[in-house]
N, C-alpha and C. Protein backbone atom coordinates (compact mmCIF):
# COMPACT_ATOMS: atom_id res chain seq x y z
N MET A 1 -29.57 -40.98 -21.68
CA MET A 1 -29.30 -41.72 -20.28
C MET A 1 -28.06 -42.51 -20.43
N GLU A 2 -27.70 -43.26 -21.53
CA GLU A 2 -26.70 -44.15 -21.75
C GLU A 2 -25.15 -43.28 -21.29
N GLN A 3 -25.23 -42.19 -22.05
CA GLN A 3 -23.94 -41.50 -21.88
C GLN A 3 -23.75 -40.88 -20.31
N LYS A 4 -24.95 -40.58 -19.69
CA LYS A 4 -24.79 -40.38 -18.22
C LYS A 4 -24.30 -41.63 -17.31
N ILE A 5 -24.85 -42.72 -17.85
CA ILE A 5 -24.34 -43.88 -17.05
C ILE A 5 -22.75 -44.12 -17.28
N ARG A 6 -22.43 -44.14 -18.57
CA ARG A 6 -21.18 -44.38 -18.76
C ARG A 6 -20.23 -43.34 -18.20
N ASP A 7 -20.49 -42.11 -18.26
CA ASP A 7 -19.71 -41.25 -17.58
C ASP A 7 -19.41 -41.23 -16.01
N ARG A 8 -20.55 -41.62 -15.41
CA ARG A 8 -20.78 -41.86 -14.00
C ARG A 8 -19.98 -43.09 -13.60
N LEU A 9 -19.95 -44.21 -14.57
CA LEU A 9 -19.24 -45.49 -14.36
C LEU A 9 -17.88 -44.97 -14.53
N GLU A 10 -17.42 -44.32 -15.37
CA GLU A 10 -16.03 -43.98 -15.54
C GLU A 10 -15.63 -43.33 -14.38
N GLN A 11 -16.26 -42.49 -13.64
CA GLN A 11 -15.95 -41.90 -12.34
C GLN A 11 -15.60 -42.87 -11.29
N LEU A 12 -16.70 -43.58 -11.14
CA LEU A 12 -16.73 -44.74 -10.17
C LEU A 12 -15.35 -45.75 -10.39
N ARG A 13 -14.85 -45.91 -11.49
CA ARG A 13 -13.88 -46.75 -11.58
C ARG A 13 -12.71 -46.31 -10.79
N GLY A 14 -12.55 -45.18 -10.57
CA GLY A 14 -11.37 -44.69 -9.70
C GLY A 14 -11.47 -45.35 -8.17
N MET A 15 -12.37 -45.51 -7.83
CA MET A 15 -12.68 -46.17 -6.39
C MET A 15 -12.16 -47.48 -6.38
N LEU A 16 -12.64 -48.14 -7.31
CA LEU A 16 -12.26 -49.71 -7.64
C LEU A 16 -10.86 -50.08 -7.88
N GLN A 17 -10.50 -48.86 -8.90
CA GLN A 17 -8.92 -49.07 -9.31
C GLN A 17 -8.05 -48.69 -7.69
N ALA A 18 -8.40 -47.83 -6.83
CA ALA A 18 -7.64 -47.64 -5.69
C ALA A 18 -7.61 -48.96 -4.78
N ASP A 19 -8.44 -49.84 -5.07
CA ASP A 19 -8.31 -51.38 -4.35
C ASP A 19 -7.85 -52.36 -5.19
N GLY A 20 -7.30 -52.22 -6.45
CA GLY A 20 -6.54 -53.00 -7.26
C GLY A 20 -7.65 -53.82 -8.18
N GLY A 21 -8.65 -53.13 -8.27
CA GLY A 21 -9.69 -53.54 -9.26
C GLY A 21 -10.14 -52.68 -10.29
N ASP A 22 -11.00 -53.02 -11.13
CA ASP A 22 -11.47 -52.26 -12.26
C ASP A 22 -12.69 -52.69 -12.80
N LEU A 23 -13.31 -51.93 -13.54
CA LEU A 23 -14.61 -52.58 -14.39
C LEU A 23 -14.57 -52.16 -15.63
N GLU A 24 -15.32 -52.82 -16.45
CA GLU A 24 -15.42 -52.54 -17.93
C GLU A 24 -16.88 -52.66 -18.11
N VAL A 25 -17.31 -51.66 -18.76
CA VAL A 25 -18.68 -51.63 -19.30
C VAL A 25 -19.00 -52.37 -20.46
N VAL A 26 -19.78 -53.56 -20.39
CA VAL A 26 -20.13 -54.39 -21.65
C VAL A 26 -21.10 -53.69 -22.51
N SER A 27 -22.40 -53.34 -21.99
CA SER A 27 -23.29 -52.81 -22.78
C SER A 27 -24.21 -52.01 -21.78
N VAL A 28 -24.71 -51.02 -22.33
CA VAL A 28 -26.04 -50.23 -21.59
C VAL A 28 -26.91 -50.26 -22.55
N GLU A 29 -28.07 -51.04 -22.25
CA GLU A 29 -29.42 -51.14 -23.04
C GLU A 29 -30.47 -50.61 -22.26
N GLY A 30 -30.94 -49.28 -22.43
CA GLY A 30 -31.98 -48.72 -21.68
C GLY A 30 -31.53 -48.77 -20.20
N ALA A 31 -32.24 -49.24 -19.34
CA ALA A 31 -31.92 -49.32 -17.79
C ALA A 31 -30.98 -50.38 -17.46
N SER A 32 -30.73 -51.21 -18.30
CA SER A 32 -30.02 -52.33 -17.99
C SER A 32 -28.31 -52.28 -18.22
N VAL A 33 -27.53 -52.38 -17.43
CA VAL A 33 -26.24 -51.89 -17.47
C VAL A 33 -25.35 -53.44 -17.21
N LYS A 34 -24.59 -53.91 -18.30
CA LYS A 34 -23.99 -55.04 -17.88
C LYS A 34 -22.22 -54.60 -17.82
N VAL A 35 -21.70 -55.15 -16.59
CA VAL A 35 -20.26 -54.81 -16.44
C VAL A 35 -19.53 -55.95 -16.23
N ARG A 36 -18.14 -55.95 -16.45
CA ARG A 36 -17.33 -56.93 -16.09
C ARG A 36 -16.29 -56.43 -14.97
N LEU A 37 -16.27 -57.21 -13.91
CA LEU A 37 -15.20 -56.57 -12.79
C LEU A 37 -13.88 -57.13 -13.25
N LYS A 38 -13.02 -56.44 -12.92
CA LYS A 38 -11.60 -57.07 -13.29
C LYS A 38 -10.55 -56.91 -12.10
N GLY A 39 -9.42 -57.43 -12.33
CA GLY A 39 -8.61 -57.43 -11.23
C GLY A 39 -8.95 -58.06 -9.65
N ALA A 40 -8.52 -57.19 -8.81
CA ALA A 40 -9.10 -57.74 -7.40
C ALA A 40 -10.47 -57.88 -7.26
N CYS A 41 -11.27 -57.05 -7.97
CA CYS A 41 -12.79 -57.13 -7.89
C CYS A 41 -13.30 -58.28 -8.55
N GLY A 42 -12.68 -58.69 -9.81
CA GLY A 42 -13.03 -59.98 -10.32
C GLY A 42 -13.26 -61.13 -9.28
N GLY A 43 -12.64 -61.47 -8.31
CA GLY A 43 -12.56 -62.51 -7.53
C GLY A 43 -13.02 -62.22 -6.28
N CYS A 44 -13.40 -61.18 -6.07
CA CYS A 44 -13.80 -60.77 -4.47
C CYS A 44 -15.14 -61.16 -4.10
N PRO A 45 -15.01 -61.85 -2.97
CA PRO A 45 -16.39 -62.37 -2.39
C PRO A 45 -17.43 -61.14 -2.09
N HIS A 46 -17.06 -59.78 -2.23
CA HIS A 46 -17.96 -58.77 -1.89
C HIS A 46 -18.39 -58.29 -3.19
N ALA A 47 -18.09 -58.76 -4.40
CA ALA A 47 -18.43 -58.11 -5.59
C ALA A 47 -19.81 -57.91 -5.69
N VAL A 48 -20.76 -58.71 -5.31
CA VAL A 48 -22.27 -58.50 -5.46
C VAL A 48 -22.60 -57.33 -4.78
N MET A 49 -22.09 -57.29 -3.60
CA MET A 49 -22.43 -55.94 -2.57
C MET A 49 -21.74 -54.69 -3.37
N THR A 50 -20.64 -54.84 -4.16
CA THR A 50 -20.07 -53.62 -4.62
C THR A 50 -21.02 -53.32 -5.76
N LEU A 51 -21.60 -54.14 -6.73
CA LEU A 51 -22.30 -53.85 -7.75
C LEU A 51 -23.89 -53.40 -7.30
N LYS A 52 -24.38 -54.11 -6.58
CA LYS A 52 -25.91 -53.79 -5.96
C LYS A 52 -25.99 -52.76 -5.01
N GLN A 53 -25.11 -52.77 -4.07
CA GLN A 53 -25.33 -51.60 -2.95
C GLN A 53 -24.22 -50.57 -3.11
N GLY A 54 -23.50 -50.65 -4.15
CA GLY A 54 -22.51 -49.62 -4.44
C GLY A 54 -22.92 -48.74 -5.79
N ILE A 55 -22.59 -49.43 -6.73
CA ILE A 55 -22.64 -48.96 -8.12
C ILE A 55 -24.01 -48.76 -8.78
N GLU A 56 -24.88 -49.84 -8.36
CA GLU A 56 -26.34 -49.80 -8.84
C GLU A 56 -26.92 -48.74 -7.94
N ARG A 57 -26.89 -48.69 -6.64
CA ARG A 57 -27.45 -47.75 -5.99
C ARG A 57 -27.10 -46.20 -6.25
N ILE A 58 -25.91 -45.97 -6.48
CA ILE A 58 -25.46 -44.68 -7.01
C ILE A 58 -26.18 -44.15 -8.39
N LEU A 59 -26.03 -45.32 -9.25
CA LEU A 59 -26.67 -45.02 -10.53
C LEU A 59 -28.25 -44.67 -10.58
N ARG A 60 -28.90 -45.47 -9.70
CA ARG A 60 -30.17 -45.18 -9.54
C ARG A 60 -30.74 -43.90 -8.76
N SER A 61 -29.77 -43.55 -7.83
CA SER A 61 -30.08 -42.31 -7.01
C SER A 61 -29.74 -40.99 -7.82
N GLU A 62 -28.58 -41.09 -8.56
CA GLU A 62 -28.52 -40.06 -9.55
C GLU A 62 -28.72 -39.78 -10.97
N ILE A 63 -29.19 -41.07 -11.59
CA ILE A 63 -29.48 -40.95 -12.82
C ILE A 63 -31.05 -41.43 -13.17
N ASP A 64 -31.36 -42.67 -12.86
CA ASP A 64 -32.82 -43.23 -13.18
C ASP A 64 -33.04 -44.31 -12.06
N GLY A 65 -34.17 -44.51 -11.43
CA GLY A 65 -34.43 -45.44 -10.27
C GLY A 65 -34.86 -46.65 -10.88
N SER A 66 -34.73 -46.72 -12.23
CA SER A 66 -35.08 -48.22 -12.71
C SER A 66 -33.80 -48.99 -13.18
N ILE A 67 -32.64 -48.33 -12.96
CA ILE A 67 -31.43 -48.94 -13.52
C ILE A 67 -30.96 -50.23 -12.95
N VAL A 68 -30.62 -51.37 -13.62
CA VAL A 68 -30.32 -52.59 -12.87
C VAL A 68 -28.85 -52.90 -13.75
N VAL A 69 -27.97 -53.05 -12.63
CA VAL A 69 -26.46 -53.42 -12.93
C VAL A 69 -26.50 -55.08 -12.69
N GLU A 70 -25.86 -55.67 -13.89
CA GLU A 70 -25.58 -57.07 -13.94
C GLU A 70 -24.09 -57.24 -14.21
N ARG A 71 -23.64 -58.41 -13.71
CA ARG A 71 -22.45 -58.85 -13.84
C ARG A 71 -22.29 -59.65 -14.84
N VAL A 72 -21.34 -59.50 -15.88
CA VAL A 72 -21.14 -60.77 -16.71
C VAL A 72 -19.78 -61.31 -16.90
């Protein structure tokens, strides 16, 4: 599951990069995914929405419904 998560996050990075941001995967431990937002995403007031309603929702629907994405 970890490799599937990492692969999908790599694909999603393109959307963030298009808006001047990026993400770094800090760790994947079971269903817990920790990421660091960078660039424009790092200081964006909508970062929580990006993580929870964007990235987490996609990972849950495509890989495992128990995935939780946290910002570090």
